[in-house]
Amino acid sequence: MRRQSFQSQMTAAVSGFGDFDLDAFLWGEWYDEHGVYKKQRPRRLGAVEKLRRLRYLSADEFSYLKGKTKRIPKITIPSPGLWANFWSPRYSKHAYPTLDTFVADIVAILRDEVTELVRLGATYIQIDAPHYGLMLDPKTRAFYEGLGWSFDRWLSLGVDLDNAVIGGFPEVTFGFHI
């Protein structure tokens, strides 16, 4: 897969996220055949500096894949709303006083990514957005609402954020993984 997790290409390509480990992507309650696995969200998780792209997130992956197939390659990028997990009212306040300012920078980074992928020939891009389904869980919804947006705002603004990333690329088919 060439990634720590499906989200980690952002943290690998962009500085400013502060200290984190794999648990930053895997907190919450997870169910399998053995029961419930509970993992706490890392306490100090949060963007601590203005985000700065060091490289493109998925351009190298796309170029590699495109060179290995004659078919239409699909590349994935994370939904901007998913990154709210990396904003903290406590730890991010200096760099990003509000969640809105933080996700605005996330949208700009992802939109630049789509522009670069299209320049490289991408015609099929998947947006990974599992947070929409996860918000059906009352505990996860409470976390997200605790960041300052109601559930209804999360849904409507989440769609607006996704549309801000994908709008204006008529040559691309966008898919969503929810």
C-alpha atoms as a PDB file:
ATOM      1  CA  MET A   1       0.000   0.000   0.000  1.00  0.00           C
ATOM      2  CA  ARG A   2       3.015   2.282   0.483  1.00  0.00           C
ATOM      3  CA  ARG A   3       1.255   4.146   3.335  1.00  0.00           C
ATOM      4  CA  GLN A   4       1.032   3.876   7.105  1.00  0.00           C
ATOM      5  CA  SER A   5      -2.759   4.163   6.769  1.00  0.00           C
ATOM      6  CA  PHE A   6      -5.201   5.352   4.117  1.00  0.00           C
ATOM      7  CA  GLN A   7      -4.950   8.861   5.622  1.00  0.00           C
ATOM      8  CA  SER A   8      -1.246   9.050   6.263  1.00  0.00           C
ATOM      9  CA  GLN A   9      -0.193  10.419   2.900  1.00  0.00           C
ATOM     10  CA  MET A  10      -1.316  13.850   4.204  1.00  0.00           C
ATOM     11  CA  THR A  11       0.814  13.697   7.346  1.00  0.00           C
ATOM     12  CA  ALA A  12       3.750  12.321   5.351  1.00  0.00           C
ATOM     13  CA  ALA A  13       3.586  15.127   2.775  1.00  0.00           C
ATOM     14  CA  VAL A  14       2.565  18.113   4.901  1.00  0.00           C
ATOM     15  CA  SER A  15       4.297  19.598   7.941  1.00  0.00           C
ATOM     16  CA  GLY A  16       2.545  21.195  10.917  1.00  0.00           C
ATOM     17  CA  PHE A  17       0.604  18.279  12.376  1.00  0.00           C
ATOM     18  CA  GLY A  18       2.690  17.949  15.549  1.00  0.00           C
ATOM     19  CA  ASP A  19       3.384  14.637  17.253  1.00  0.00           C
ATOM     20  CA  PHE A  20       1.275  11.643  16.281  1.00  0.00           C
ATOM     21  CA  ASP A  21       1.529   7.925  15.676  1.00  0.00           C
ATOM     22  CA  LEU A  22      -0.646   5.273  14.063  1.00  0.00           C
ATOM     23  CA  ASP A  23      -3.209   5.667  16.871  1.00  0.00           C
ATOM     24  CA  ALA A  24      -4.070   9.108  15.452  1.00  0.00           C
ATOM     25  CA  PHE A  25      -5.812   7.246  12.630  1.00  0.00           C
ATOM     26  CA  LEU A  26      -7.234   4.298  14.594  1.00  0.00           C
ATOM     27  CA  TRP A  27      -8.885   5.655  17.739  1.00  0.00           C
ATOM     28  CA  GLY A  28     -12.456   4.782  18.670  1.00  0.00           C
ATOM     29  CA  GLU A  29     -14.302   1.508  19.043  1.00  0.00           C
ATOM     30  CA  TRP A  30     -13.608  -1.222  16.513  1.00  0.00           C
ATOM     31  CA  TYR A  31     -15.497  -4.494  16.299  1.00  0.00           C
ATOM     32  CA  ASP A  32     -14.307  -7.863  15.071  1.00  0.00           C
ATOM     33  CA  GLU A  33     -14.972 -11.537  15.744  1.00  0.00           C
ATOM     34  CA  HIS A  34     -13.290 -11.195  19.159  1.00  0.00           C
ATOM     35  CA  GLY A  35     -15.493  -8.339  20.375  1.00  0.00           C
ATOM     36  CA  VAL A  36     -14.854  -4.653  20.898  1.00  0.00           C
ATOM     37  CA  TYR A  37     -11.423  -3.086  20.637  1.00  0.00           C
ATOM     38  CA  LYS A  38     -11.264   0.380  22.229  1.00  0.00           C
ATOM     39  CA  LYS A  39      -8.505   2.859  21.492  1.00  0.00           C
ATOM     40  CA  GLN A  40      -8.426   6.361  22.988  1.00  0.00           C
ATOM     41  CA  ARG A  41      -7.763   9.327  20.752  1.00  0.00           C
ATOM     42  CA  PRO A  42      -4.216  10.514  21.452  1.00  0.00           C
ATOM     43  CA  ARG A  43      -4.510  13.324  24.006  1.00  0.00           C
ATOM     44  CA  ARG A  44      -2.068  15.788  22.437  1.00  0.00           C
ATOM     45  CA  LEU A  45      -3.188  15.298  18.851  1.00  0.00           C
ATOM     46  CA  GLY A  46      -3.514  18.526  16.895  1.00  0.00           C
ATOM     47  CA  ALA A  47      -1.975  20.707  14.220  1.00  0.00           C
ATOM     48  CA  VAL A  48       0.585  22.874  16.001  1.00  0.00           C
ATOM     49  CA  GLU A  49       1.873  24.998  13.105  1.00  0.00           C
ATOM     50  CA  LYS A  50       0.453  26.334   9.863  1.00  0.00           C
ATOM     51  CA  LEU A  51       0.290  23.452   7.414  1.00  0.00           C
ATOM     52  CA  ARG A  52       2.905  23.493   4.686  1.00  0.00           C
ATOM     53  CA  ARG A  53       2.961  21.045   1.794  1.00  0.00           C
ATOM     54  CA  LEU A  54       6.418  19.478   1.456  1.00  0.00           C
ATOM     55  CA  ARG A  55       5.454  17.347  -1.536  1.00  0.00           C
ATOM     56  CA  TYR A  56       2.300  16.106  -3.241  1.00  0.00           C
ATOM     57  CA  LEU A  57       0.339  13.480  -1.336  1.00  0.00           C
ATOM     58  CA  SER A  58      -0.375  10.885  -4.019  1.00  0.00           C
ATOM     59  CA  ALA A  59       1.272  12.075  -7.227  1.00  0.00           C
ATOM     60  CA  ASP A  60       4.158   9.608  -6.976  1.00  0.00           C
ATOM     61  CA  GLU A  61       1.759   6.745  -6.221  1.00  0.00           C
ATOM     62  CA  PHE A  62      -0.365   7.698  -9.194  1.00  0.00           C
ATOM     63  CA  SER A  63       2.624   7.943 -11.563  1.00  0.00           C
ATOM     64  CA  TYR A  64       3.882   4.549 -10.376  1.00  0.00           C
ATOM     65  CA  LEU A  65       0.474   2.917 -10.832  1.00  0.00           C
ATOM     66  CA  LYS A  66      -0.135   4.577 -14.204  1.00  0.00           C
ATOM     67  CA  GLY A  67       3.156   3.132 -15.442  1.00  0.00           C
ATOM     68  CA  LYS A  68       2.107  -0.398 -14.422  1.00  0.00           C
ATOM     69  CA  THR A  69      -1.256  -0.682 -16.171  1.00  0.00           C
ATOM     70  CA  LYS A  70      -3.093   0.019 -19.390  1.00  0.00           C
ATOM     71  CA  ARG A  71      -6.340   0.396 -17.432  1.00  0.00           C
ATOM     72  CA  ILE A  72      -7.687   3.555 -15.824  1.00  0.00           C
ATOM     73  CA  PRO A  73      -5.834   3.901 -12.512  1.00  0.00           C
ATOM     74  CA  LYS A  74      -7.759   5.015  -9.439  1.00  0.00           C
ATOM     75  CA  ILE A  75      -5.993   7.100  -6.839  1.00  0.00           C
ATOM     76  CA  THR A  76      -7.367   8.030  -3.424  1.00  0.00           C
ATOM     77  CA  ILE A  77      -7.182  11.172  -1.332  1.00  0.00           C
ATOM     78  CA  PRO A  78      -8.739  11.848   2.070  1.00  0.00           C
ATOM     79  CA  SER A  79     -11.877  13.931   2.480  1.00  0.00           C
ATOM     80  CA  PRO A  80     -11.137  17.325   4.054  1.00  0.00           C
ATOM     81  CA  GLY A  81     -13.680  16.837   6.864  1.00  0.00           C
ATOM     82  CA  LEU A  82     -11.829  13.730   7.994  1.00  0.00           C
ATOM     83  CA  TRP A  83      -8.953  15.967   9.081  1.00  0.00           C
ATOM     84  CA  ALA A  84     -10.981  17.679  11.790  1.00  0.00           C
ATOM     85  CA  ASN A  85      -9.533  14.908  13.956  1.00  0.00           C
ATOM     86  CA  PHE A  86      -6.167  16.692  13.697  1.00  0.00           C
ATOM     87  CA  TRP A  87      -7.479  20.019  14.990  1.00  0.00           C
ATOM     88  CA  SER A  88      -7.558  20.648  18.721  1.00  0.00           C
ATOM     89  CA  PRO A  89      -9.006  23.683  20.481  1.00  0.00           C
ATOM     90  CA  ARG A  90      -6.125  23.349  22.955  1.00  0.00           C
ATOM     91  CA  TYR A  91      -3.102  22.416  20.847  1.00  0.00           C
ATOM     92  CA  SER A  92      -3.949  24.052  17.517  1.00  0.00           C
ATOM     93  CA  LYS A  93      -5.124  27.444  18.800  1.00  0.00           C
ATOM     94  CA  HIS A  94      -1.867  29.262  17.992  1.00  0.00           C
ATOM     95  CA  ALA A  95      -1.718  28.079  14.374  1.00  0.00           C
ATOM     96  CA  TYR A  96      -5.449  27.728  13.750  1.00  0.00           C
ATOM     97  CA  PRO A  97      -7.760  29.580  16.145  1.00  0.00           C
ATOM     98  CA  THR A  98     -10.812  27.872  14.640  1.00  0.00           C
ATOM     99  CA  LEU A  99     -11.644  24.589  12.991  1.00  0.00           C
ATOM    100  CA  ASP A 100     -12.867  26.562   9.958  1.00  0.00           C
ATOM    101  CA  THR A 101      -9.424  28.111   9.358  1.00  0.00           C
ATOM    102  CA  PHE A 102      -7.785  24.707   9.673  1.00  0.00           C
ATOM    103  CA  VAL A 103     -10.067  22.902   7.219  1.00  0.00           C
ATOM    104  CA  ALA A 104      -9.735  25.805   4.762  1.00  0.00           C
ATOM    105  CA  ASP A 105      -6.007  25.036   4.542  1.00  0.00           C
ATOM    106  CA  ILE A 106      -6.758  21.303   4.219  1.00  0.00           C
ATOM    107  CA  VAL A 107      -9.102  22.058   1.297  1.00  0.00           C
ATOM    108  CA  ALA A 108      -6.426  24.173  -0.409  1.00  0.00           C
ATOM    109  CA  ILE A 109      -3.847  21.378  -0.076  1.00  0.00           C
ATOM    110  CA  LEU A 110      -6.271  18.762  -1.416  1.00  0.00           C
ATOM    111  CA  ARG A 111      -7.410  20.966  -4.285  1.00  0.00           C
ATOM    112  CA  ASP A 112      -3.773  21.490  -5.302  1.00  0.00           C
ATOM    113  CA  GLU A 113      -3.373  17.722  -5.124  1.00  0.00           C
ATOM    114  CA  VAL A 114      -6.286  17.142  -7.491  1.00  0.00           C
ATOM    115  CA  THR A 115      -4.877  19.746  -9.882  1.00  0.00           C
ATOM    116  CA  GLU A 116      -1.532  17.927  -9.923  1.00  0.00           C
ATOM    117  CA  LEU A 117      -3.154  14.512 -10.347  1.00  0.00           C
ATOM    118  CA  VAL A 118      -5.168  15.802 -13.308  1.00  0.00           C
ATOM    119  CA  ARG A 119      -1.990  17.274 -14.803  1.00  0.00           C
ATOM    120  CA  LEU A 120      -0.443  13.803 -14.540  1.00  0.00           C
ATOM    121  CA  GLY A 121      -3.431  12.257 -16.317  1.00  0.00           C
ATOM    122  CA  ALA A 122      -5.712  11.124 -13.493  1.00  0.00           C
ATOM    123  CA  THR A 123      -9.318  10.676 -14.560  1.00  0.00           C
ATOM    124  CA  TYR A 124     -10.619   8.655 -11.581  1.00  0.00           C
ATOM    125  CA  ILE A 125     -10.078   9.917  -8.023  1.00  0.00           C
ATOM    126  CA  GLN A 126     -11.651   8.429  -4.912  1.00  0.00           C
ATOM    127  CA  ILE A 127     -12.366  10.582  -1.865  1.00  0.00           C
ATOM    128  CA  ASP A 128     -12.009   8.570   1.355  1.00  0.00           C
ATOM    129  CA  ALA A 129     -14.708   9.836   3.735  1.00  0.00           C
ATOM    130  CA  PRO A 130     -15.406   7.226   6.428  1.00  0.00           C
ATOM    131  CA  HIS A 131     -16.170   9.921   8.985  1.00  0.00           C
ATOM    132  CA  TYR A 132     -19.672  10.305   7.511  1.00  0.00           C
ATOM    133  CA  GLY A 133     -20.570   6.756   8.502  1.00  0.00           C
ATOM    134  CA  LEU A 134     -18.634   6.938  11.777  1.00  0.00           C
ATOM    135  CA  MET A 135     -20.725   9.924  12.867  1.00  0.00           C
ATOM    136  CA  LEU A 136     -23.708   7.622  13.124  1.00  0.00           C
ATOM    137  CA  ASP A 137     -22.066   6.287  16.304  1.00  0.00           C
ATOM    138  CA  PRO A 138     -23.148   8.561  19.211  1.00  0.00           C
ATOM    139  CA  LYS A 139     -19.666   8.580  20.809  1.00  0.00           C
ATOM    140  CA  THR A 140     -17.918   9.547  17.588  1.00  0.00           C
ATOM    141  CA  ARG A 141     -20.611  12.119  16.818  1.00  0.00           C
ATOM    142  CA  ALA A 142     -20.115  13.626  20.303  1.00  0.00           C
ATOM    143  CA  PHE A 143     -16.394  14.031  19.613  1.00  0.00           C
ATOM    144  CA  TYR A 144     -16.973  15.801  16.307  1.00  0.00           C
ATOM    145  CA  GLU A 145     -19.753  17.984  17.715  1.00  0.00           C
ATOM    146  CA  GLY A 146     -17.410  18.869  20.591  1.00  0.00           C
ATOM    147  CA  LEU A 147     -15.183  20.611  18.050  1.00  0.00           C
ATOM    148  CA  GLY A 148     -17.909  23.205  17.566  1.00  0.00           C
ATOM    149  CA  TRP A 149     -20.157  22.099  14.721  1.00  0.00           C
ATOM    150  CA  SER A 150     -23.557  20.438  15.094  1.00  0.00           C
ATOM    151  CA  PHE A 151     -24.209  17.106  13.397  1.00  0.00           C
ATOM    152  CA  ASP A 152     -26.314  18.835  10.710  1.00  0.00           C
ATOM    153  CA  ARG A 153     -23.517  21.326  10.071  1.00  0.00           C
ATOM    154  CA  TRP A 154     -20.986  18.488   9.831  1.00  0.00           C
ATOM    155  CA  LEU A 155     -23.033  16.858   7.110  1.00  0.00           C
ATOM    156  CA  SER A 156     -23.777  19.996   5.092  1.00  0.00           C
ATOM    157  CA  LEU A 157     -20.348  21.566   5.564  1.00  0.00           C
ATOM    158  CA  GLY A 158     -18.658  18.221   4.907  1.00  0.00           C
ATOM    159  CA  VAL A 159     -20.345  18.033   1.527  1.00  0.00           C
ATOM    160  CA  ASP A 160     -19.388  21.659   0.839  1.00  0.00           C
ATOM    161  CA  LEU A 161     -15.748  20.903   1.722  1.00  0.00           C
ATOM    162  CA  ASP A 162     -15.708  17.850  -0.548  1.00  0.00           C
ATOM    163  CA  ASN A 163     -17.279  19.878  -3.355  1.00  0.00           C
ATOM    164  CA  ALA A 164     -14.646  22.607  -2.886  1.00  0.00           C
ATOM    165  CA  VAL A 165     -11.949  19.995  -3.526  1.00  0.00           C
ATOM    166  CA  ILE A 166     -13.572  18.337  -6.552  1.00  0.00           C
ATOM    167  CA  GLY A 167     -15.387  21.226  -8.237  1.00  0.00           C
ATOM    168  CA  GLY A 168     -14.218  22.352 -11.658  1.00  0.00           C
ATOM    169  CA  PHE A 169     -12.651  19.116 -12.875  1.00  0.00           C
ATOM    170  CA  PRO A 170     -15.169  17.862 -15.465  1.00  0.00           C
ATOM    171  CA  GLU A 171     -12.669  15.389 -16.960  1.00  0.00           C
ATOM    172  CA  VAL A 172     -12.438  13.475 -13.655  1.00  0.00           C
ATOM    173  CA  THR A 173     -14.807  10.882 -12.244  1.00  0.00           C
ATOM    174  CA  PHE A 174     -14.874  11.202  -8.463  1.00  0.00           C
ATOM    175  CA  GLY A 175     -15.913   8.312  -6.270  1.00  0.00           C
ATOM    176  CA  PHE A 176     -16.494   8.238  -2.534  1.00  0.00           C
ATOM    177  CA  HIS A 177     -15.567   5.630   0.041  1.00  0.00           C
ATOM    178  CA  ILE A 178     -17.844   6.147   3.037  1.00  0.00           C
END
